[in-house]
């Protein structure tokens, strides 16, 4: 007849294996968590850079339309709408303050895009909305780990 080994003795005999298993599983969980965080940060970073690039294009268009009154070479209000919509779409993947600032930019663009070339208040309002979004985007970038 086989003799039963007490549970305490089994734990002592297999302590190294149990500890090794615990370390392996906890390492796997940590690695998975870190990979998810890294990917999320990379998505945030990429989205922020794209928003900043599109904001630069939009600001250049605003200056051309207002100061140069040049809608032949650089684009027109429809080009601006395309840029604003692209910025709005990209901002969905970025943390909270950027999305709110993108919604504000879209609203300000809708209210003031027809005044470009005629009203300094229009260009100032659009530039303020662009700067608010730019600042929020830069804040998100500096907070990423």
N, C-alpha and C. Protein backbone atom coordinates (compact mmCIF):
# COMPACT_ATOMS: atom_id res chain seq x y z
N UNK A 1 0.82 -1.17 0.00
CA UNK A 1 0.00 0.00 0.00
C UNK A 1 0.88 1.25 0.00
N UNK A 2 0.45 2.24 -0.78
CA UNK A 2 1.20 3.48 -0.89
C UNK A 2 0.97 4.36 0.32
N UNK A 3 2.05 4.96 0.76
CA UNK A 3 1.93 5.86 1.90
C UNK A 3 1.65 7.27 1.39
N UNK A 4 0.68 7.93 2.02
CA UNK A 4 0.32 9.30 1.63
C UNK A 4 1.31 10.27 2.25
N UNK A 5 1.78 11.20 1.43
CA UNK A 5 2.70 12.24 1.91
C UNK A 5 1.87 13.44 2.34
N UNK A 6 2.08 13.93 3.53
CA UNK A 6 1.31 15.09 4.00
C UNK A 6 1.50 16.30 3.07
N UNK A 7 0.47 17.10 3.04
CA UNK A 7 0.45 18.28 2.16
C UNK A 7 1.63 19.21 2.47
N UNK A 8 1.92 19.42 3.74
CA UNK A 8 3.02 20.30 4.13
C UNK A 8 4.35 19.80 3.56
N UNK A 9 4.55 18.50 3.60
CA UNK A 9 5.79 17.92 3.05
C UNK A 9 5.84 18.10 1.53
N UNK A 10 4.69 17.96 0.88
CA UNK A 10 4.65 18.16 -0.57
C UNK A 10 5.01 19.61 -0.93
N UNK A 11 4.49 20.55 -0.15
CA UNK A 11 4.83 21.96 -0.38
C UNK A 11 6.33 22.19 -0.21
N UNK A 12 6.91 21.62 0.80
CA UNK A 12 8.35 21.80 1.04
C UNK A 12 9.16 21.20 -0.09
N UNK A 13 8.77 20.01 -0.55
CA UNK A 13 9.50 19.33 -1.62
C UNK A 13 9.40 20.09 -2.96
N UNK A 14 8.26 20.74 -3.18
CA UNK A 14 8.01 21.41 -4.46
C UNK A 14 8.04 22.93 -4.36
N UNK A 15 8.64 23.44 -3.31
CA UNK A 15 8.66 24.90 -3.10
C UNK A 15 9.31 25.63 -4.27
N UNK A 16 10.40 25.12 -4.77
CA UNK A 16 11.09 25.79 -5.88
C UNK A 16 10.20 25.83 -7.11
N UNK A 17 9.53 24.74 -7.40
CA UNK A 17 8.65 24.69 -8.58
C UNK A 17 7.47 25.65 -8.41
N UNK A 18 6.91 25.70 -7.20
CA UNK A 18 5.76 26.59 -6.95
C UNK A 18 6.19 28.05 -7.07
N UNK A 19 7.34 28.39 -6.49
CA UNK A 19 7.86 29.75 -6.58
C UNK A 19 8.16 30.11 -8.04
N UNK A 20 8.75 29.19 -8.76
CA UNK A 20 9.06 29.42 -10.18
C UNK A 20 7.80 29.66 -10.99
N UNK A 21 6.77 28.88 -10.71
CA UNK A 21 5.49 29.05 -11.41
C UNK A 21 4.89 30.42 -11.11
N UNK A 22 4.93 30.82 -9.83
CA UNK A 22 4.41 32.13 -9.44
C UNK A 22 5.17 33.25 -10.14
N UNK A 23 6.47 33.15 -10.19
CA UNK A 23 7.29 34.19 -10.85
C UNK A 23 6.99 34.23 -12.34
N UNK A 24 6.86 33.07 -12.96
CA UNK A 24 6.57 33.03 -14.40
C UNK A 24 5.22 33.66 -14.73
N UNK A 25 4.19 33.31 -13.95
CA UNK A 25 2.85 33.84 -14.20
C UNK A 25 2.81 35.34 -13.93
N UNK A 26 3.41 35.79 -12.82
CA UNK A 26 3.40 37.23 -12.53
C UNK A 26 4.21 37.99 -13.58
N UNK A 27 5.30 37.43 -14.05
CA UNK A 27 6.08 38.05 -15.13
C UNK A 27 5.28 38.16 -16.41
N UNK A 28 4.50 37.15 -16.72
CA UNK A 28 3.66 37.17 -17.91
C UNK A 28 2.59 38.28 -17.80
N UNK A 29 1.97 38.37 -16.63
CA UNK A 29 0.97 39.44 -16.42
C UNK A 29 1.60 40.82 -16.55
N UNK A 30 2.77 41.02 -15.94
CA UNK A 30 3.44 42.32 -16.02
C UNK A 30 3.81 42.65 -17.46
N UNK A 31 4.36 41.68 -18.17
CA UNK A 31 4.77 41.90 -19.55
C UNK A 31 3.57 42.27 -20.43
N UNK A 32 2.47 41.59 -20.24
CA UNK A 32 1.26 41.89 -21.01
C UNK A 32 0.76 43.30 -20.69
N UNK A 33 0.73 43.66 -19.41
CA UNK A 33 0.30 44.99 -19.00
C UNK A 33 1.22 46.06 -19.60
N UNK A 34 2.51 45.83 -19.54
CA UNK A 34 3.47 46.82 -20.06
C UNK A 34 3.34 46.96 -21.57
N UNK A 35 3.14 45.86 -22.29
CA UNK A 35 2.95 45.94 -23.74
C UNK A 35 1.70 46.73 -24.10
N UNK A 36 0.62 46.52 -23.36
CA UNK A 36 -0.62 47.28 -23.61
C UNK A 36 -0.40 48.77 -23.37
N UNK A 37 0.28 49.11 -22.29
CA UNK A 37 0.56 50.51 -21.98
C UNK A 37 1.46 51.14 -23.04
N UNK A 38 2.45 50.40 -23.48
CA UNK A 38 3.35 50.90 -24.52
C UNK A 38 2.59 51.16 -25.81
N UNK A 39 1.71 50.24 -26.19
CA UNK A 39 0.94 50.42 -27.42
C UNK A 39 -0.01 51.61 -27.30
N UNK A 40 -0.65 51.75 -26.15
CA UNK A 40 -1.55 52.88 -25.94
C UNK A 40 -0.78 54.20 -26.04
N UNK A 41 0.39 54.26 -25.41
CA UNK A 41 1.21 55.47 -25.49
C UNK A 41 1.65 55.75 -26.91
N UNK A 42 2.00 54.70 -27.65
CA UNK A 42 2.41 54.88 -29.04
C UNK A 42 1.26 55.42 -29.88
N UNK A 43 0.05 54.91 -29.67
CA UNK A 43 -1.13 55.42 -30.38
C UNK A 43 -1.38 56.88 -30.03
N UNK A 44 -1.26 57.22 -28.74
CA UNK A 44 -1.44 58.61 -28.31
C UNK A 44 -0.40 59.50 -28.98
N UNK A 45 0.84 59.06 -28.96
CA UNK A 45 1.94 59.84 -29.53
C UNK A 45 1.73 60.07 -31.03
N UNK A 46 1.41 59.01 -31.73
CA UNK A 46 1.19 59.12 -33.18
C UNK A 46 0.02 60.05 -33.48
N UNK A 47 -1.08 59.89 -32.73
CA UNK A 47 -2.24 60.76 -32.92
C UNK A 47 -1.91 62.21 -32.65
N UNK A 48 -1.15 62.47 -31.59
CA UNK A 48 -0.76 63.85 -31.26
C UNK A 48 0.09 64.46 -32.37
N UNK A 49 1.05 63.71 -32.89
CA UNK A 49 1.88 64.25 -33.96
C UNK A 49 1.06 64.54 -35.21
N UNK A 50 0.12 63.66 -35.52
CA UNK A 50 -0.73 63.89 -36.69
C UNK A 50 -1.60 65.14 -36.50
N UNK A 51 -2.15 65.30 -35.30
CA UNK A 51 -2.96 66.49 -35.02
C UNK A 51 -2.11 67.74 -35.16
N UNK A 52 -0.89 67.72 -34.62
CA UNK A 52 -0.02 68.89 -34.73
C UNK A 52 0.32 69.21 -36.18
N UNK A 53 0.55 68.18 -36.99
CA UNK A 53 0.83 68.42 -38.41
C UNK A 53 -0.38 69.03 -39.12
N UNK A 54 -1.56 68.48 -38.85
CA UNK A 54 -2.78 69.01 -39.48
C UNK A 54 -3.09 70.42 -38.99
N UNK A 55 -2.80 70.71 -37.73
CA UNK A 55 -3.00 72.07 -37.22
C UNK A 55 -2.07 73.05 -37.94
N UNK A 56 -0.85 72.62 -38.20
CA UNK A 56 0.08 73.47 -38.97
C UNK A 56 -0.46 73.75 -40.36
N UNK A 57 -0.98 72.72 -41.01
CA UNK A 57 -1.56 72.92 -42.35
C UNK A 57 -2.76 73.86 -42.29
N UNK A 58 -3.61 73.68 -41.27
CA UNK A 58 -4.79 74.53 -41.13
C UNK A 58 -4.38 75.97 -40.86
N UNK A 59 -3.41 76.18 -40.01
CA UNK A 59 -2.98 77.54 -39.72
C UNK A 59 -2.37 78.19 -40.95
N UNK A 60 -1.63 77.43 -41.73
CA UNK A 60 -1.08 77.96 -42.97
C UNK A 60 -2.21 78.35 -43.92
N UNK A 61 -3.23 77.53 -44.02
CA UNK A 61 -4.38 77.84 -44.87
C UNK A 61 -5.09 79.10 -44.39
N UNK A 62 -5.26 79.22 -43.09
CA UNK A 62 -5.90 80.41 -42.52
C UNK A 62 -5.11 81.66 -42.90
N UNK A 63 -3.80 81.61 -42.77
CA UNK A 63 -2.98 82.77 -43.12
C UNK A 63 -3.07 83.10 -44.60
N UNK A 64 -3.04 82.07 -45.45
CA UNK A 64 -3.17 82.31 -46.90
C UNK A 64 -4.52 82.93 -47.22
N UNK A 65 -5.58 82.38 -46.65
CA UNK A 65 -6.93 82.88 -46.95
C UNK A 65 -7.16 84.28 -46.40
N UNK A 66 -6.61 84.56 -45.23
CA UNK A 66 -6.88 85.86 -44.62
C UNK A 66 -5.91 86.95 -45.09
N UNK A 67 -4.63 86.69 -44.98
CA UNK A 67 -3.65 87.74 -45.27
C UNK A 67 -3.31 87.84 -46.75
N UNK A 68 -3.19 86.69 -47.42
CA UNK A 68 -2.84 86.71 -48.84
C UNK A 68 -4.08 86.72 -49.72
N UNK A 69 -5.22 86.38 -49.13
CA UNK A 69 -6.48 86.24 -49.88
C UNK A 69 -6.25 85.37 -51.12
N UNK A 70 -5.56 84.27 -50.87
CA UNK A 70 -5.16 83.36 -51.94
C UNK A 70 -5.87 82.03 -51.75
N UNK A 71 -6.96 81.83 -52.50
CA UNK A 71 -7.64 80.55 -52.40
C UNK A 71 -7.41 79.69 -53.65
N UNK A 72 -6.60 80.16 -54.55
CA UNK A 72 -6.30 79.38 -55.75
C UNK A 72 -5.16 78.39 -55.49
N UNK A 73 -4.09 78.89 -54.90
CA UNK A 73 -2.90 78.08 -54.72
C UNK A 73 -2.97 77.21 -53.46
N UNK A 74 -3.49 77.76 -52.39
CA UNK A 74 -3.38 77.09 -51.11
C UNK A 74 -4.62 76.32 -50.69
N UNK A 75 -5.74 76.55 -51.33
CA UNK A 75 -6.98 75.89 -50.94
C UNK A 75 -8.03 76.91 -50.56
N UNK A 76 -9.17 76.41 -50.14
CA UNK A 76 -10.26 77.30 -49.76
C UNK A 76 -10.90 76.79 -48.48
N UNK A 77 -12.08 77.32 -48.15
CA UNK A 77 -12.73 76.91 -46.91
C UNK A 77 -13.04 75.42 -46.88
N UNK A 78 -13.33 74.83 -48.03
CA UNK A 78 -13.58 73.38 -48.07
C UNK A 78 -12.33 72.60 -47.67
N UNK A 79 -11.17 73.11 -48.08
CA UNK A 79 -9.91 72.49 -47.66
C UNK A 79 -9.79 72.57 -46.13
N UNK A 80 -10.16 73.72 -45.60
CA UNK A 80 -10.15 73.90 -44.15
C UNK A 80 -11.09 72.94 -43.45
N UNK A 81 -12.29 72.76 -44.02
CA UNK A 81 -13.24 71.81 -43.43
C UNK A 81 -12.65 70.39 -43.42
N UNK A 82 -11.97 70.03 -44.50
CA UNK A 82 -11.35 68.70 -44.56
C UNK A 82 -10.29 68.54 -43.48
N UNK A 83 -9.48 69.57 -43.28
CA UNK A 83 -8.46 69.51 -42.24
C UNK A 83 -9.08 69.45 -40.85
N UNK A 84 -10.10 70.28 -40.61
CA UNK A 84 -10.76 70.30 -39.31
C UNK A 84 -11.41 68.95 -39.02
N UNK A 85 -12.04 68.36 -40.02
CA UNK A 85 -12.68 67.06 -39.82
C UNK A 85 -11.64 65.97 -39.56
N UNK A 86 -10.52 66.03 -40.28
CA UNK A 86 -9.44 65.06 -40.04
C UNK A 86 -8.90 65.19 -38.63
N UNK A 87 -8.69 66.41 -38.18
CA UNK A 87 -8.22 66.65 -36.81
C UNK A 87 -9.23 66.10 -35.81
N UNK A 88 -10.49 66.34 -36.06
CA UNK A 88 -11.55 65.85 -35.18
C UNK A 88 -11.56 64.31 -35.13
N UNK A 89 -11.38 63.68 -36.27
CA UNK A 89 -11.36 62.22 -36.32
C UNK A 89 -10.16 61.64 -35.56
N UNK A 90 -9.00 62.24 -35.74
CA UNK A 90 -7.80 61.74 -35.07
C UNK A 90 -7.88 61.96 -33.56
N UNK A 91 -8.49 63.07 -33.16
CA UNK A 91 -8.52 63.42 -31.74
C UNK A 91 -9.33 62.42 -30.90
N UNK A 92 -10.10 61.57 -31.56
CA UNK A 92 -10.90 60.57 -30.83
C UNK A 92 -10.01 59.61 -30.05
N UNK A 93 -8.82 59.30 -30.56
CA UNK A 93 -7.95 58.34 -29.88
C UNK A 93 -7.06 58.99 -28.83
N UNK A 94 -7.12 60.32 -28.74
CA UNK A 94 -6.25 61.04 -27.81
C UNK A 94 -7.04 61.37 -26.55
N UNK A 95 -6.33 61.52 -25.43
CA UNK A 95 -6.97 61.77 -24.14
C UNK A 95 -7.86 63.00 -24.15
N UNK A 96 -8.70 63.09 -23.13
CA UNK A 96 -9.83 64.02 -23.00
C UNK A 96 -9.62 65.47 -23.43
N UNK A 97 -8.66 66.22 -22.95
CA UNK A 97 -8.68 67.64 -23.29
C UNK A 97 -8.52 67.90 -24.78
N UNK A 98 -7.87 67.00 -25.49
CA UNK A 98 -7.66 67.19 -26.93
C UNK A 98 -8.98 67.06 -27.68
N UNK A 99 -9.78 66.08 -27.32
CA UNK A 99 -11.08 65.89 -27.98
C UNK A 99 -11.99 67.09 -27.81
N UNK A 100 -12.01 67.63 -26.60
CA UNK A 100 -12.85 68.81 -26.33
C UNK A 100 -12.36 70.01 -27.14
N UNK A 101 -11.05 70.19 -27.20
CA UNK A 101 -10.49 71.31 -27.97
C UNK A 101 -10.75 71.13 -29.46
N UNK A 102 -10.77 69.89 -29.95
CA UNK A 102 -11.05 69.63 -31.36
C UNK A 102 -12.51 69.95 -31.68
N UNK A 103 -13.42 69.62 -30.77
CA UNK A 103 -14.83 69.97 -30.96
C UNK A 103 -14.98 71.49 -31.00
N UNK A 104 -14.27 72.17 -30.12
CA UNK A 104 -14.31 73.63 -30.10
C UNK A 104 -13.78 74.21 -31.41
N UNK A 105 -12.67 73.66 -31.92
CA UNK A 105 -12.11 74.13 -33.19
C UNK A 105 -13.12 73.97 -34.32
N UNK A 106 -13.80 72.84 -34.35
CA UNK A 106 -14.79 72.59 -35.39
C UNK A 106 -15.92 73.62 -35.32
N UNK A 107 -16.36 73.92 -34.11
CA UNK A 107 -17.42 74.90 -33.93
C UNK A 107 -16.95 76.30 -34.34
N UNK A 108 -15.77 76.67 -33.90
CA UNK A 108 -15.22 78.00 -34.23
C UNK A 108 -15.00 78.12 -35.73
N UNK A 109 -14.48 77.07 -36.36
CA UNK A 109 -14.27 77.09 -37.81
C UNK A 109 -15.61 77.31 -38.52
N UNK A 110 -16.63 76.60 -38.10
CA UNK A 110 -17.95 76.75 -38.72
C UNK A 110 -18.51 78.15 -38.59
N UNK A 111 -18.23 78.81 -37.48
CA UNK A 111 -18.75 80.16 -37.25
C UNK A 111 -17.95 81.24 -37.97
N UNK A 112 -16.65 81.00 -38.20
CA UNK A 112 -15.78 82.08 -38.66
C UNK A 112 -15.10 81.86 -40.01
N UNK A 113 -15.24 80.70 -40.63
CA UNK A 113 -14.49 80.45 -41.86
C UNK A 113 -14.90 81.38 -42.99
N UNK A 114 -16.13 81.82 -43.03
CA UNK A 114 -16.57 82.73 -44.10
C UNK A 114 -16.00 84.13 -43.91
N UNK A 115 -15.60 84.48 -42.69
CA UNK A 115 -15.06 85.80 -42.41
C UNK A 115 -13.58 85.95 -42.71
N UNK A 116 -12.92 84.86 -43.09
CA UNK A 116 -11.49 84.94 -43.41
C UNK A 116 -11.29 85.86 -44.61
N UNK A 117 -10.35 86.76 -44.50
CA UNK A 117 -10.09 87.72 -45.57
C UNK A 117 -10.83 89.02 -45.35
N UNK A 118 -11.83 89.01 -44.49
CA UNK A 118 -12.64 90.21 -44.26
C UNK A 118 -12.56 90.69 -42.81
N UNK A 119 -12.52 89.78 -41.86
CA UNK A 119 -12.65 90.13 -40.46
C UNK A 119 -11.45 89.64 -39.65
N UNK A 120 -10.78 90.58 -38.98
CA UNK A 120 -9.68 90.19 -38.10
C UNK A 120 -10.18 89.35 -36.93
N UNK A 121 -11.42 89.60 -36.49
CA UNK A 121 -12.00 88.82 -35.39
C UNK A 121 -12.12 87.34 -35.78
N UNK A 122 -12.42 87.08 -37.04
CA UNK A 122 -12.53 85.69 -37.50
C UNK A 122 -11.20 84.97 -37.43
N UNK A 123 -10.17 85.60 -37.96
CA UNK A 123 -8.85 84.96 -37.94
C UNK A 123 -8.35 84.82 -36.51
N UNK A 124 -8.63 85.79 -35.65
CA UNK A 124 -8.21 85.70 -34.26
C UNK A 124 -8.92 84.56 -33.53
N UNK A 125 -10.22 84.40 -33.77
CA UNK A 125 -10.97 83.32 -33.13
C UNK A 125 -10.48 81.96 -33.58
N UNK A 126 -10.24 81.82 -34.87
CA UNK A 126 -9.74 80.54 -35.40
C UNK A 126 -8.35 80.26 -34.86
N UNK A 127 -7.48 81.27 -34.86
CA UNK A 127 -6.12 81.07 -34.33
C UNK A 127 -6.13 80.72 -32.85
N UNK A 128 -7.04 81.31 -32.10
CA UNK A 128 -7.15 80.99 -30.66
C UNK A 128 -7.58 79.53 -30.47
N UNK A 129 -8.53 79.08 -31.27
CA UNK A 129 -8.97 77.68 -31.18
C UNK A 129 -7.85 76.73 -31.59
N UNK A 130 -7.09 77.09 -32.61
CA UNK A 130 -5.95 76.28 -33.04
C UNK A 130 -4.91 76.21 -31.93
N UNK A 131 -4.62 77.35 -31.33
CA UNK A 131 -3.62 77.39 -30.27
C UNK A 131 -4.06 76.61 -29.03
N UNK A 132 -5.35 76.66 -28.70
CA UNK A 132 -5.87 75.89 -27.57
C UNK A 132 -5.69 74.39 -27.82
N UNK A 133 -6.02 73.95 -29.03
CA UNK A 133 -5.86 72.54 -29.37
C UNK A 133 -4.39 72.15 -29.41
N UNK A 134 -3.56 73.02 -29.95
CA UNK A 134 -2.12 72.74 -30.00
C UNK A 134 -1.56 72.58 -28.58
N UNK A 135 -1.94 73.47 -27.69
CA UNK A 135 -1.47 73.41 -26.31
C UNK A 135 -1.94 72.14 -25.60
N UNK A 136 -3.20 71.78 -25.79
CA UNK A 136 -3.73 70.55 -25.18
C UNK A 136 -3.00 69.32 -25.71
N UNK A 137 -2.71 69.32 -26.99
CA UNK A 137 -2.00 68.19 -27.61
C UNK A 137 -0.59 68.09 -27.07
N UNK A 138 0.10 69.21 -26.95
CA UNK A 138 1.45 69.20 -26.41
C UNK A 138 1.45 68.75 -24.94
N UNK A 139 0.43 69.13 -24.19
CA UNK A 139 0.33 68.68 -22.80
C UNK A 139 0.20 67.16 -22.72
N UNK A 140 -0.61 66.58 -23.59
CA UNK A 140 -0.75 65.12 -23.60
C UNK A 140 0.58 64.46 -23.94
N UNK A 141 1.29 65.02 -24.91
CA UNK A 141 2.59 64.45 -25.30
C UNK A 141 3.58 64.48 -24.14
N UNK A 142 3.62 65.56 -23.39
CA UNK A 142 4.60 65.65 -22.31
C UNK A 142 4.24 64.75 -21.13
N UNK A 143 2.97 64.37 -21.00
CA UNK A 143 2.55 63.51 -19.90
C UNK A 143 2.73 62.01 -20.18
N UNK A 144 2.99 61.66 -21.43
CA UNK A 144 3.15 60.23 -21.76
C UNK A 144 4.39 59.65 -21.12
N UNK A 145 4.26 58.39 -20.67
CA UNK A 145 5.39 57.73 -20.03
C UNK A 145 6.10 56.82 -21.00
